[in-house]
Amino acid sequence: MEFNGLLLKLPKAIRLFIGAFVIVLSVGYYTGLLFVSETSTSNPSGIEENYLGNEADENAEIMKFKKSKRQMLTIVHTHILSMSFIFFLLGVLVWLTNLPTRLKLFLTIEPFLSVLLTFGGIYFLWSGISWFKYIVMLSGFLMTATYTASALIVLYQLTFSVKKANIINQ
């Protein structure tokens, strides 16, 4: 069975359903990023402070304490599970688009590596390996970039590519 370009051939109602799903999924994803920016974890020192605390900084505006092992395991567990589902579902849709196989492979495999590096890196950072904050930043950026590219490609092919296909078929 040929999956390449199958998204373009789906009935309009199913394309609308998929489009609504990708839009709502994206609202949830980017709301999570807003939360990250609100907790000052969008820079290396902020990432470190968020998980290791800032008790030594007497001038800190907001006092933060080192997360407990239970808190860390909960954060890592819930994020790895939920992000795996997000990227699996979006990946299935990417495989239905009309794109080169190598690009599809990158867009669908890289996020899983980034999830492991981001949340595993957060755990290692919490464990005392402070240079992992840079791995967390880089992998978090790559994860967001691949999510954004995948979602935009799916939405583009659900709308504009279908219109082009209809014009060609007339």
Protein backbone atom coordinates (compact mmCIF):
# COMPACT_ATOMS: atom_id res chain seq x y z
CA MET A 1 0.00 0.00 0.00
CA GLU A 2 1.30 3.44 -0.94
CA PHE A 3 1.14 5.98 1.90
CA ASN A 4 2.99 8.83 0.21
CA GLY A 5 0.44 11.55 -0.58
CA LEU A 6 -2.48 9.62 0.92
CA LEU A 7 -3.39 12.67 3.01
CA LEU A 8 -4.26 14.51 -0.21
CA LYS A 9 -6.68 11.78 -1.27
CA LEU A 10 -8.74 11.58 1.92
CA PRO A 11 -12.35 12.80 1.90
CA LYS A 12 -12.90 16.44 2.86
CA ALA A 13 -14.60 15.53 6.17
CA ILE A 14 -11.62 13.45 7.30
CA ARG A 15 -9.18 16.20 6.24
CA LEU A 16 -11.20 18.68 8.34
CA PHE A 17 -11.12 16.28 11.30
CA ILE A 18 -7.33 15.87 10.98
CA GLY A 19 -6.86 19.62 10.59
CA ALA A 20 -8.90 20.32 13.73
CA PHE A 21 -6.85 17.73 15.61
CA VAL A 22 -3.51 19.25 14.53
CA ILE A 23 -4.68 22.76 15.45
CA VAL A 24 -5.88 21.73 18.93
CA LEU A 25 -2.74 19.63 19.45
CA SER A 26 -0.65 22.67 18.52
CA VAL A 27 -2.53 24.90 20.95
CA GLY A 28 -1.69 22.41 23.69
CA TYR A 29 1.94 22.09 22.60
CA TYR A 30 2.55 25.85 22.41
CA THR A 31 0.72 26.45 25.70
CA GLY A 32 3.31 24.14 27.25
CA LEU A 33 6.05 26.28 25.71
CA LEU A 34 4.44 29.40 27.19
CA PHE A 35 4.60 27.70 30.58
CA VAL A 36 8.30 26.98 30.03
CA SER A 37 8.96 30.64 29.24
CA GLU A 38 7.00 31.70 32.34
CA THR A 39 9.18 29.52 34.58
CA SER A 40 12.42 31.05 33.21
CA THR A 41 13.51 27.71 31.79
CA SER A 42 14.23 29.01 28.30
CA ASN A 43 17.90 29.72 29.06
CA PRO A 44 20.65 27.51 30.59
CA SER A 45 20.71 29.16 34.01
CA GLY A 46 16.92 29.20 34.17
CA ILE A 47 16.75 25.50 33.37
CA GLU A 48 19.25 24.75 36.11
CA GLU A 49 17.48 26.98 38.62
CA ASN A 50 14.08 25.47 37.88
CA TYR A 51 15.18 21.96 38.87
CA LEU A 52 18.03 22.61 41.33
CA GLY A 53 16.53 25.64 43.06
CA ASN A 54 17.99 29.04 43.86
CA GLU A 55 18.17 28.91 47.66
CA ALA A 56 21.71 30.31 47.65
CA ASP A 57 20.60 33.49 45.82
CA GLU A 58 19.41 35.90 48.50
CA ASN A 59 18.36 38.43 45.84
CA ALA A 60 16.10 36.04 43.93
CA GLU A 61 12.68 37.48 43.14
CA ILE A 62 11.05 34.07 43.44
CA MET A 63 12.49 31.47 45.78
CA LYS A 64 12.80 28.03 44.16
CA PHE A 65 13.80 24.81 45.87
CA LYS A 66 15.44 21.73 44.43
CA LYS A 67 12.83 19.30 43.15
CA SER A 68 12.46 16.04 45.05
CA LYS A 69 13.19 12.69 43.44
CA ARG A 70 9.47 11.97 43.34
CA GLN A 71 8.77 15.28 41.56
CA MET A 72 11.53 14.60 39.04
CA LEU A 73 10.32 11.09 38.28
CA THR A 74 6.78 12.41 37.81
CA ILE A 75 7.96 15.16 35.45
CA VAL A 76 10.13 12.80 33.40
CA HIS A 77 7.54 10.00 33.32
CA THR A 78 4.54 12.12 32.32
CA HIS A 79 6.41 14.15 29.73
CA ILE A 80 8.07 11.19 28.03
CA LEU A 81 4.77 9.30 27.82
CA SER A 82 2.65 12.23 26.63
CA MET A 83 5.23 13.57 24.19
CA SER A 84 5.67 10.08 22.72
CA PHE A 85 1.96 9.97 21.92
CA ILE A 86 2.01 13.50 20.49
CA PHE A 87 4.91 12.71 18.17
CA PHE A 88 3.55 9.28 17.24
CA LEU A 89 0.20 10.71 16.14
CA LEU A 90 1.76 13.65 14.31
CA GLY A 91 4.31 11.26 12.77
CA VAL A 92 1.57 9.06 11.33
CA LEU A 93 0.13 12.14 9.64
CA VAL A 94 3.57 13.15 8.32
CA TRP A 95 3.95 9.69 6.75
CA LEU A 96 0.68 10.34 4.87
CA THR A 97 1.99 13.57 3.30
CA ASN A 98 3.67 13.89 -0.06
CA LEU A 99 7.31 14.37 1.00
CA PRO A 100 10.66 12.66 0.36
CA THR A 101 11.19 9.61 2.58
CA ARG A 102 14.41 10.98 4.14
CA LEU A 103 12.63 14.15 5.28
CA LYS A 104 9.78 12.08 6.70
CA LEU A 105 12.30 9.91 8.56
CA PHE A 106 13.95 12.96 10.09
CA LEU A 107 10.65 14.63 11.05
CA THR A 108 9.31 11.46 12.66
CA ILE A 109 12.39 9.97 14.36
CA GLU A 110 14.19 13.09 15.62
CA PRO A 111 11.42 14.14 18.05
CA PHE A 112 11.68 10.82 19.89
CA LEU A 113 15.43 11.31 20.33
CA SER A 114 14.82 14.89 21.50
CA VAL A 115 12.20 13.75 24.01
CA LEU A 116 14.69 11.33 25.54
CA LEU A 117 17.52 13.87 25.50
CA THR A 118 15.37 16.70 26.87
CA PHE A 119 13.70 14.89 29.75
CA GLY A 120 16.54 12.46 30.40
CA GLY A 121 18.83 15.49 30.34
CA ILE A 122 16.66 17.24 32.90
CA TYR A 123 17.01 14.23 35.17
CA PHE A 124 20.80 14.12 34.70
CA LEU A 125 20.96 17.87 35.35
CA TRP A 126 19.00 17.35 38.56
CA SER A 127 21.40 14.51 39.45
CA GLY A 128 24.32 16.96 39.37
CA ILE A 129 25.64 16.86 35.80
CA SER A 130 25.22 20.57 35.14
CA TRP A 131 26.40 20.63 31.52
CA PHE A 132 23.25 18.72 30.55
CA LYS A 133 21.40 22.06 30.64
CA TYR A 134 22.89 22.76 27.19
CA ILE A 135 21.74 19.37 25.87
CA VAL A 136 18.26 20.11 27.25
CA MET A 137 18.17 23.48 25.47
CA LEU A 138 19.40 22.12 22.15
CA SER A 139 17.15 19.06 22.15
CA GLY A 140 14.17 21.14 23.27
CA PHE A 141 14.78 23.53 20.39
CA LEU A 142 15.06 20.66 17.88
CA MET A 143 11.92 19.04 19.28
CA THR A 144 9.97 22.27 18.86
CA ALA A 145 11.38 22.91 15.38
CA THR A 146 10.43 19.44 14.15
CA TYR A 147 6.99 19.72 15.75
CA THR A 148 6.40 23.07 14.08
CA ALA A 149 7.63 21.88 10.68
CA SER A 150 5.55 18.69 10.86
CA ALA A 151 2.37 20.45 11.94
CA LEU A 152 2.74 23.15 9.26
CA ILE A 153 3.45 20.59 6.53
CA VAL A 154 0.39 18.53 7.50
CA LEU A 155 -1.86 21.60 7.67
CA TYR A 156 -0.47 22.93 4.38
CA GLN A 157 -1.06 19.64 2.60
CA LEU A 158 -4.54 19.33 4.09
CA THR A 159 -5.54 22.66 2.58
CA PHE A 160 -3.41 24.11 -0.20
CA SER A 161 -2.14 20.88 -1.76
CA VAL A 162 -5.69 19.55 -2.00
CA LYS A 163 -6.77 22.70 -3.87
CA LYS A 164 -3.85 22.27 -6.30
CA ALA A 165 -4.73 18.58 -6.79
CA ASN A 166 -8.37 19.52 -7.52
CA ILE A 167 -7.30 22.11 -10.10
CA ILE A 168 -5.05 19.60 -11.84
CA ASN A 169 -7.79 16.93 -11.90
CA GLN A 170 -10.40 19.25 -13.49
